[in-house]
Amino acid sequence: MPTILREGNGGLMAGKTQIPKGWRMVRLGDVADVVTGSTPPRKVRDYYGEQTPWVKPSDLAASRLVSTSEEYLSEAGVAVSRLLPQNAVLVSCIGTIGEVAIAKLPLCSNQQINALIPGDATLPSFLYWVCLARSSYLQTIASKTAVPILNKSAFSSVSILLPPMAEQRAIAATLDSIDEAIEGVEGVIAAAESLRDALLHELLTRGIPGRHSEWRDAPGVGTIPAEWEVARLGDVADFQQGGTPRKSQPEYWDGDIPFVTGADLRDFRISRDNARSFLTDKGLNSGTTVICEPGDLLLATRTRVGLVGIANETMGASQDITLLTANGLADQSYLCRVLKSQAAVLQQRARGTTIQGISREDVASLPILLPPMAEQQAIAAALDGVDEAIESSRGERDALQCSKASVSDALLTGRVRAIVGANT
């Protein structure tokens, strides 16, 4: 049932930490058995099979509950390892510090993971949220060696606040519900992205459904609507190469104008949220970088060849990027969609060993299917609608993640108390 929250009331003091009434300060090793995983000898191939998950830190990041792994152990491998019970809380303590998950079924882990097997006074799901909230602290107390290590003794000594069992259950239920909501939204995003990719291919090769009744074969392309044309990218867009202002000129840098590289083209619509560097007005107008305005098309032609996006605001672009401007034969947004669909082709044309790049000539010769302008715009609008829905869902997911962080901090410190319902 829904959990009602209220501001926490006074409690005891432990050093500088106020302990909510009814809570106590404990160490992880006081409320759970700490078990370190192990690796069966690799030279005995019979120890590895398909029976029992053998979890490593990389297997913990995907979800709150872990039930699968990259590698599995055989029955013989489990016999020489340490089988952990269902609901054990797994925490990575070597290499990557602070990844956390709950064992959904009995499994084994390698020695990079310490498992917490809670006693009767501690709920596994509550312990999961406590460890996740303390992951940054775990990183700070790990040894500062080439491979960070948080040894079993130090891990067992980490202090946590422990409320009564009923309140643990209420806190965990609240945080679980937020996490499940995030997972639900991420499922919607994944489904919408799959729909967009399928729709992208259909619209860019067959056009708007129901609009075409006549078709023709285009050499090297296949069957296309009869009224469509095949053009070269260089025939429908003008090119301008970006550049990077001198790093030795401090007046060019640390301003407020986004400066993007090929690696920054992570999303379809590019804004300051993508940029890792920023220019001043002098940097933008240095004559080196290319100035991109809202709506301009950016194509990565070095290092991350094939990534593409549309600028959402004024920005500078590095030498990794080619700015494309439709010359009237193609709609800018439609052209961006076409290039997005041709990323693999552009990557195949890239050359170089240390740094991959594609020449302007190879980009210009890319074949482009060209519907009439009205249909180009209709295709772009249809895909924009799906993208807007995806962006809306991403915003909802991000808001939920922020909520989870703030609610987690408030509940796990007792600043806000979870009121235990009659049916909790």
Protein backbone atom coordinates (compact mmCIF):
# COMPACT_ATOMS: atom_id res chain seq x y z
CA MET A 1 0.00 0.00 0.00
CA PRO A 2 1.20 3.59 -0.51
CA THR A 3 3.68 4.86 2.06
CA ILE A 4 2.89 8.20 3.77
CA LEU A 5 5.89 10.40 4.53
CA ARG A 6 6.33 12.95 7.30
CA GLU A 7 9.20 15.00 8.67
CA GLY A 8 11.37 13.09 11.10
CA ASN A 9 11.27 13.91 14.81
CA GLY A 10 14.14 14.05 17.23
CA GLY A 11 16.33 11.18 18.28
CA LEU A 12 19.67 10.30 19.84
CA MET A 13 22.99 11.80 18.79
CA ALA A 14 25.96 9.70 17.68
CA GLY A 15 28.88 12.08 17.24
CA LYS A 16 27.54 14.68 14.80
CA THR A 17 24.84 12.35 13.45
CA GLN A 18 21.33 12.53 14.86
CA ILE A 19 19.80 9.08 15.11
CA PRO A 20 16.01 9.06 14.63
CA LYS A 21 14.01 7.72 17.53
CA GLY A 22 13.77 3.92 17.37
CA TRP A 23 16.76 3.65 14.98
CA ARG A 24 20.27 2.49 15.82
CA MET A 25 23.75 2.91 14.37
CA VAL A 26 25.27 -0.44 13.36
CA ARG A 27 28.07 -1.81 11.22
CA LEU A 28 27.37 -3.91 8.13
CA GLY A 29 29.17 -6.83 9.74
CA ASP A 30 26.87 -6.59 12.79
CA VAL A 31 23.66 -7.13 10.80
CA ALA A 32 24.84 -9.44 8.02
CA ASP A 33 27.35 -12.18 7.35
CA VAL A 34 29.96 -10.88 4.90
CA VAL A 35 31.05 -13.49 2.37
CA THR A 36 33.71 -12.86 -0.28
CA GLY A 37 33.32 -14.68 -3.58
CA SER A 38 35.96 -16.76 -5.29
CA THR A 39 37.17 -17.88 -8.71
CA PRO A 40 37.44 -21.63 -9.32
CA PRO A 41 40.79 -22.51 -10.96
CA ARG A 42 40.60 -21.62 -14.64
CA LYS A 43 42.79 -24.56 -15.57
CA VAL A 44 39.97 -26.94 -14.56
CA ARG A 45 37.60 -26.40 -17.47
CA ASP A 46 34.98 -28.70 -15.93
CA TYR A 47 34.33 -26.06 -13.25
CA TYR A 48 32.69 -23.80 -15.83
CA GLY A 49 29.40 -24.63 -17.50
CA GLU A 50 25.80 -23.47 -17.73
CA GLN A 51 24.29 -24.34 -14.36
CA THR A 52 24.78 -21.51 -11.83
CA PRO A 53 25.40 -17.80 -12.47
CA TRP A 54 28.92 -16.71 -11.54
CA VAL A 55 28.54 -12.97 -11.02
CA LYS A 56 31.21 -10.31 -11.59
CA PRO A 57 30.91 -6.54 -11.00
CA SER A 58 29.92 -5.96 -14.63
CA ASP A 59 26.86 -8.17 -14.05
CA LEU A 60 25.57 -5.98 -11.21
CA ALA A 61 24.92 -2.75 -13.10
CA ALA A 62 21.95 -3.79 -15.24
CA SER A 63 19.21 -4.10 -12.61
CA ARG A 64 18.33 -4.14 -8.92
CA LEU A 65 17.92 -7.92 -9.10
CA VAL A 66 20.60 -10.11 -10.66
CA SER A 67 19.81 -13.58 -11.98
CA THR A 68 22.08 -13.93 -15.02
CA SER A 69 25.78 -13.52 -15.66
CA GLU A 70 28.31 -13.49 -18.46
CA GLU A 71 29.83 -16.74 -17.18
CA TYR A 72 28.32 -19.73 -15.39
CA LEU A 73 29.67 -22.50 -13.19
CA SER A 74 29.05 -26.22 -13.42
CA GLU A 75 27.95 -28.30 -10.44
CA ALA A 76 31.63 -29.10 -9.81
CA GLY A 77 32.50 -25.40 -9.98
CA VAL A 78 29.83 -24.52 -7.45
CA ALA A 79 31.20 -27.20 -5.11
CA VAL A 80 34.60 -25.46 -4.95
CA SER A 81 33.10 -21.96 -4.90
CA ARG A 82 30.72 -20.32 -2.42
CA LEU A 83 27.04 -20.62 -3.20
CA LEU A 84 25.20 -17.52 -2.05
CA PRO A 85 21.54 -17.71 -1.06
CA GLN A 86 18.69 -15.92 -2.76
CA ASN A 87 18.35 -12.32 -1.47
CA ALA A 88 22.05 -11.96 -0.69
CA VAL A 89 23.09 -8.35 -1.29
CA LEU A 90 26.10 -8.22 -3.63
CA VAL A 91 28.53 -5.28 -3.48
CA SER A 92 31.59 -4.90 -5.73
CA CYS A 93 34.67 -4.10 -3.65
CA ILE A 94 37.63 -4.54 -6.06
CA GLY A 95 38.16 -2.54 -9.24
CA THR A 96 34.74 -1.01 -9.71
CA ILE A 97 33.66 -0.08 -6.18
CA GLY A 98 30.04 0.23 -5.09
CA GLU A 99 27.99 -1.61 -7.71
CA VAL A 100 25.09 -3.24 -5.84
CA ALA A 101 22.43 -5.85 -6.63
CA ILE A 102 20.27 -8.45 -4.91
CA ALA A 103 20.60 -12.12 -5.82
CA LYS A 104 17.28 -13.15 -7.36
CA LEU A 105 18.25 -16.82 -6.98
CA PRO A 106 21.11 -18.83 -5.46
CA LEU A 107 24.36 -17.98 -7.30
CA CYS A 108 28.10 -17.56 -6.94
CA SER A 109 30.36 -14.55 -7.36
CA ASN A 110 34.01 -13.85 -7.96
CA GLN A 111 36.39 -12.39 -5.37
CA GLN A 112 35.70 -8.81 -6.45
CA ILE A 113 32.32 -9.03 -4.73
CA ASN A 114 31.41 -9.12 -1.05
CA ALA A 115 27.99 -10.59 -0.34
CA LEU A 116 25.89 -9.50 2.62
CA ILE A 117 23.64 -12.24 3.98
CA PRO A 118 21.26 -10.34 6.29
CA GLY A 119 20.22 -11.59 9.69
CA ASP A 120 16.63 -11.65 10.96
CA ALA A 121 16.68 -7.96 11.93
CA THR A 122 17.61 -6.66 8.46
CA LEU A 123 15.57 -6.68 5.25
CA PRO A 124 17.65 -7.49 2.11
CA SER A 125 15.93 -4.85 -0.01
CA PHE A 126 16.55 -2.19 2.67
CA LEU A 127 20.21 -3.23 2.86
CA TYR A 128 20.42 -2.89 -0.92
CA TRP A 129 19.25 0.73 -0.80
CA VAL A 130 21.60 1.55 2.09
CA CYS A 131 24.62 0.13 0.23
CA LEU A 132 23.63 1.90 -2.97
CA ALA A 133 23.32 5.20 -1.09
CA ARG A 134 26.77 4.65 0.45
CA SER A 135 28.51 3.66 -2.80
CA SER A 136 30.34 7.01 -3.07
CA TYR A 137 31.57 6.62 0.52
CA LEU A 138 32.76 3.07 -0.24
CA GLN A 139 34.83 4.49 -3.10
CA THR A 140 36.47 7.06 -0.83
CA ILE A 141 37.60 4.48 1.75
CA ALA A 142 38.93 1.99 -0.82
CA SER A 143 42.71 1.74 -1.17
CA LYS A 144 44.11 4.21 -3.73
CA THR A 145 46.09 1.59 -5.67
CA ALA A 146 46.17 0.92 -9.40
CA VAL A 147 43.22 -1.39 -8.78
CA PRO A 148 41.06 0.08 -5.96
CA ILE A 149 40.34 -2.42 -3.20
CA LEU A 150 37.94 -2.24 -0.27
CA ASN A 151 38.95 -5.15 1.92
CA LYS A 152 36.46 -7.29 3.77
CA SER A 153 37.36 -5.88 7.19
CA ALA A 154 36.90 -2.24 6.14
CA PHE A 155 33.70 -3.10 4.30
CA SER A 156 32.28 -4.95 7.31
CA SER A 157 33.03 -1.93 9.52
CA VAL A 158 31.02 0.56 7.45
CA SER A 159 28.36 2.16 9.65
CA ILE A 160 24.70 2.46 8.64
CA LEU A 161 21.49 3.65 10.27
CA LEU A 162 19.07 0.78 10.90
CA PRO A 163 15.37 1.46 11.57
CA PRO A 164 12.95 -1.15 12.93
CA MET A 165 11.96 -3.89 10.50
CA ALA A 166 8.54 -2.44 9.69
CA GLU A 167 10.06 0.90 8.74
CA GLN A 168 12.79 -0.83 6.73
CA ARG A 169 10.02 -2.53 4.77
CA ALA A 170 8.18 0.75 4.17
CA ILE A 171 11.36 2.55 3.05
CA ALA A 172 12.35 -0.26 0.71
CA ALA A 173 8.83 -0.45 -0.76
CA THR A 174 8.86 3.29 -1.50
CA LEU A 175 12.25 3.19 -3.21
CA ASP A 176 11.43 -0.04 -5.03
CA SER A 177 8.29 1.56 -6.46
CA ILE A 178 10.27 4.52 -7.82
CA ASP A 179 12.83 2.15 -9.31
CA GLU A 180 10.08 0.07 -10.94
CA ALA A 181 8.57 3.24 -12.39
CA ILE A 182 11.97 4.13 -13.89
CA GLU A 183 12.30 0.64 -15.36
CA GLY A 184 8.80 0.99 -16.84
CA VAL A 185 9.67 4.29 -18.50
CA GLU A 186 12.94 2.85 -19.80
CA GLY A 187 10.91 0.03 -21.36
CA VAL A 188 8.70 2.59 -23.08
CA ILE A 189 11.80 4.41 -24.36
CA ALA A 190 13.34 1.20 -25.71
CA ALA A 191 10.07 0.24 -27.45
CA ALA A 192 9.70 3.73 -28.94
CA GLU A 193 13.30 3.68 -30.19
CA SER A 194 12.71 0.31 -31.86
CA LEU A 195 9.55 1.70 -33.46
CA ARG A 196 11.43 4.77 -34.67
CA ASP A 197 14.19 2.66 -36.22
CA ALA A 198 11.68 0.46 -38.04
CA LEU A 199 9.68 3.50 -39.13
CA LEU A 200 12.86 5.24 -40.28
CA HIS A 201 13.69 2.42 -42.68
CA GLU A 202 10.13 2.11 -43.98
CA LEU A 203 9.59 5.83 -44.57
CA LEU A 204 13.00 6.41 -46.15
CA THR A 205 12.65 3.55 -48.62
CA ARG A 206 8.88 3.24 -49.22
CA GLY A 207 7.59 6.70 -48.37
CA ILE A 208 4.38 7.73 -46.61
CA PRO A 209 2.07 4.66 -46.42
CA GLY A 210 -0.71 4.69 -49.04
CA ARG A 211 0.79 7.56 -51.02
CA HIS A 212 2.47 5.53 -53.77
CA SER A 213 1.01 3.12 -56.31
CA GLU A 214 3.77 3.15 -58.92
CA TRP A 215 7.31 1.96 -58.39
CA ARG A 216 10.56 1.74 -60.30
CA ASP A 217 13.95 0.06 -59.98
CA ALA A 218 16.84 2.37 -59.19
CA PRO A 219 20.28 0.87 -60.06
CA GLY A 220 22.29 0.17 -56.93
CA VAL A 221 19.38 1.18 -54.68
CA GLY A 222 16.43 -1.13 -55.36
CA THR A 223 12.72 -0.52 -55.80
CA ILE A 224 11.59 3.03 -54.93
CA PRO A 225 8.45 5.12 -55.51
CA ALA A 226 8.29 6.14 -59.17
CA GLU A 227 8.31 9.89 -58.45
CA TRP A 228 11.36 9.75 -56.21
CA GLU A 229 14.82 10.66 -57.48
CA VAL A 230 18.30 9.43 -56.59
CA ALA A 231 20.83 12.19 -55.95
CA ARG A 232 24.30 12.55 -54.47
CA LEU A 233 24.62 14.15 -51.05
CA GLY A 234 26.93 16.72 -52.58
CA ASP A 235 24.15 17.75 -54.99
CA VAL A 236 21.69 18.62 -52.23
CA ALA A 237 23.87 20.10 -49.46
CA ASP A 238 26.77 22.51 -49.01
CA PHE A 239 29.67 21.44 -46.76
CA GLN A 240 31.75 23.36 -44.23
CA GLN A 241 34.48 21.77 -42.11
CA GLY A 242 34.82 22.64 -38.44
CA GLY A 243 38.00 23.47 -36.55
CA THR A 244 39.37 23.92 -33.04
CA PRO A 245 40.58 27.31 -31.74
CA ARG A 246 44.07 27.29 -30.24
CA LYS A 247 44.11 25.86 -26.73
CA SER A 248 46.98 28.23 -25.93
CA GLN A 249 44.63 31.21 -26.23
CA PRO A 250 42.76 31.33 -22.87
CA GLU A 251 40.46 34.11 -24.11
CA TYR A 252 38.95 31.56 -26.52
CA TRP A 253 37.84 29.08 -23.84
CA ASP A 254 35.71 28.62 -20.70
CA GLY A 255 32.90 30.80 -21.96
CA ASP A 256 29.21 29.97 -22.33
CA ILE A 257 29.00 28.88 -25.98
CA PRO A 258 28.89 25.09 -26.55
CA PHE A 259 31.78 23.62 -28.54
CA VAL A 260 31.00 20.14 -29.85
CA THR A 261 33.17 17.36 -31.23
CA GLY A 262 32.21 14.14 -32.95
CA ALA A 263 32.08 12.40 -29.56
CA ASP A 264 29.43 14.88 -28.40
CA LEU A 265 26.89 13.83 -31.05
CA ARG A 266 25.24 11.40 -28.66
CA ASP A 267 21.67 12.58 -29.22
CA PHE A 268 19.72 13.56 -32.32
CA ARG A 269 19.22 17.14 -31.14
CA ILE A 270 22.46 18.76 -29.97
CA SER A 271 22.59 21.40 -27.23
CA ARG A 272 24.86 22.58 -24.43
CA ASP A 273 23.91 19.45 -22.51
CA ASN A 274 25.99 17.44 -25.00
CA ALA A 275 29.08 19.66 -24.94
CA ARG A 276 32.13 19.06 -22.75
CA SER A 277 33.90 22.30 -23.77
CA PHE A 278 32.70 25.88 -24.08
CA LEU A 279 33.90 28.90 -26.05
CA THR A 280 33.85 32.63 -25.47
CA ASP A 281 32.60 34.99 -28.18
CA LYS A 282 36.23 35.42 -29.25
CA GLY A 283 36.64 31.66 -29.52
CA LEU A 284 33.50 31.28 -31.60
CA ASN A 285 34.63 34.05 -33.96
CA SER A 286 38.29 33.01 -34.07
CA GLY A 287 37.97 32.00 -37.71
CA THR A 288 38.93 28.42 -36.87
CA THR A 289 35.72 26.76 -35.68
CA VAL A 290 32.59 26.64 -37.82
CA ILE A 291 29.59 28.50 -36.36
CA CYS A 292 26.47 26.34 -36.18
CA GLU A 293 23.04 27.90 -35.83
CA PRO A 294 19.80 26.23 -34.63
CA GLY A 295 18.65 23.75 -37.27
CA ASP A 296 22.10 23.20 -38.78
CA LEU A 297 23.08 19.62 -39.58
CA LEU A 298 26.26 18.24 -37.94
CA LEU A 299 27.96 15.11 -39.25
CA ALA A 300 30.97 13.46 -37.57
CA THR A 301 33.56 12.80 -40.27
CA ARG A 302 36.53 12.00 -37.98
CA THR A 303 36.91 9.62 -34.99
CA ARG A 304 33.15 8.97 -34.58
CA VAL A 305 32.31 8.78 -38.27
CA GLY A 306 28.59 8.65 -39.06
CA LEU A 307 27.19 10.21 -35.89
CA VAL A 308 24.75 12.96 -36.81
CA GLY A 309 22.62 15.59 -35.12
CA ILE A 310 20.83 18.90 -35.50
CA ALA A 311 22.01 21.93 -33.52
CA ASN A 312 19.47 23.27 -31.05
CA GLU A 313 21.36 26.51 -30.38
CA THR A 314 24.35 28.54 -31.57
CA MET A 315 27.58 26.58 -31.08
CA GLY A 316 31.05 25.94 -32.44
CA ALA A 317 32.08 22.68 -34.10
CA SER A 318 35.50 21.02 -34.12
CA GLN A 319 37.47 19.59 -37.02
CA ASP A 320 35.75 16.25 -36.31
CA ILE A 321 32.52 17.69 -37.68
CA THR A 322 31.25 18.71 -41.09
CA LEU A 323 28.41 21.23 -41.16
CA LEU A 324 25.87 20.43 -43.91
CA THR A 325 23.34 22.94 -45.15
CA ALA A 326 20.54 21.80 -47.47
CA ASN A 327 20.55 23.89 -50.65
CA GLY A 328 16.82 23.85 -51.39
CA LEU A 329 16.50 20.44 -53.00
CA ALA A 330 16.32 18.69 -49.63
CA ASP A 331 14.65 19.43 -46.30
CA GLN A 332 17.23 19.82 -43.54
CA SER A 333 15.46 17.54 -41.06
CA TYR A 334 14.78 14.92 -43.74
CA LEU A 335 18.44 15.01 -44.74
CA CYS A 336 19.49 14.43 -41.15
CA ARG A 337 17.26 11.33 -41.00
CA VAL A 338 18.77 10.00 -44.21
CA LEU A 339 22.30 10.43 -42.86
CA LYS A 340 21.33 8.75 -39.60
CA SER A 341 20.12 5.74 -41.59
CA GLN A 342 23.38 5.68 -43.58
CA ALA A 343 25.76 5.73 -40.60
CA ALA A 344 27.04 2.20 -41.28
CA VAL A 345 27.78 3.05 -44.92
CA LEU A 346 29.74 6.15 -43.89
CA GLN A 347 31.70 4.12 -41.32
CA GLN A 348 32.61 1.57 -43.99
CA ARG A 349 34.03 4.36 -46.14
CA ALA A 350 36.21 5.70 -43.31
CA ARG A 351 39.96 5.29 -43.61
CA GLY A 352 42.88 5.54 -41.21
CA THR A 353 44.58 3.50 -38.52
CA THR A 354 45.06 5.71 -35.45
CA ILE A 355 42.28 8.17 -36.38
CA GLN A 356 39.43 7.09 -38.63
CA GLY A 357 38.11 9.69 -41.07
CA ILE A 358 36.08 10.03 -44.24
CA SER A 359 36.95 12.40 -47.07
CA ARG A 360 34.63 15.13 -48.31
CA GLU A 361 34.52 13.37 -51.68
CA ASP A 362 33.30 10.13 -50.11
CA VAL A 363 30.65 12.02 -48.13
CA ALA A 364 29.56 13.98 -51.20
CA SER A 365 29.17 10.83 -53.30
CA LEU A 366 26.74 9.18 -50.86
CA PRO A 367 23.53 8.30 -52.76
CA ILE A 368 20.39 9.96 -51.37
CA LEU A 369 16.76 9.04 -52.08
CA LEU A 370 14.93 12.28 -52.77
CA PRO A 371 11.12 12.40 -52.55
CA PRO A 372 9.23 15.58 -53.51
CA MET A 373 9.76 18.32 -50.90
CA ALA A 374 6.26 17.97 -49.41
CA GLU A 375 6.82 14.27 -48.75
CA GLN A 376 10.30 14.89 -47.33
CA GLN A 377 8.74 17.26 -44.82
CA ALA A 378 5.91 14.81 -44.03
CA ILE A 379 8.45 12.03 -43.41
CA ALA A 380 10.53 14.29 -41.16
CA ALA A 381 7.41 15.39 -39.25
CA ALA A 382 6.32 11.78 -38.64
CA LEU A 383 9.74 10.89 -37.25
CA ASP A 384 9.87 14.12 -35.24
CA GLY A 385 6.66 13.07 -33.52
CA VAL A 386 8.21 9.80 -32.37
CA ASP A 387 11.37 11.60 -31.26
CA GLU A 388 9.36 14.09 -29.24
CA ALA A 389 7.61 11.23 -27.47
CA ILE A 390 10.98 9.64 -26.72
CA GLU A 391 12.37 12.92 -25.39
CA SER A 392 9.29 13.36 -23.20
CA SER A 393 9.80 9.88 -21.75
CA ARG A 394 13.49 10.59 -21.17
CA GLY A 395 12.53 13.72 -19.27
CA GLU A 396 10.11 11.69 -17.16
CA ARG A 397 12.83 9.12 -16.47
CA ASP A 398 15.35 11.81 -15.50
CA ALA A 399 12.82 13.41 -13.15
CA LEU A 400 12.16 10.05 -11.52
CA GLN A 401 15.89 9.46 -11.09
CA CYS A 402 16.29 12.82 -9.37
CA SER A 403 13.31 12.00 -7.19
CA LYS A 404 14.81 8.64 -6.29
CA ALA A 405 18.08 10.26 -5.20
CA SER A 406 16.41 12.88 -3.00
CA VAL A 407 13.80 10.51 -1.54
CA SER A 408 16.48 7.90 -0.83
CA ASP A 409 18.62 10.41 1.05
CA ALA A 410 15.66 11.70 3.07
CA LEU A 411 14.33 8.25 4.03
CA LEU A 412 17.63 6.52 4.76
CA THR A 413 18.79 9.30 7.08
CA GLY A 414 15.43 9.54 8.85
CA ARG A 415 14.95 13.22 7.95
CA VAL A 416 11.63 12.09 6.48
CA ARG A 417 9.96 9.12 8.13
CA ALA A 418 8.07 6.39 6.34
CA ILE A 419 4.81 5.82 8.17
CA VAL A 420 4.05 2.14 8.45
CA GLY A 421 0.55 1.30 7.24
CA ALA A 422 -1.70 -1.27 8.81
CA ASN A 423 -1.07 -3.69 5.94
CA THR A 424 2.67 -3.06 5.61
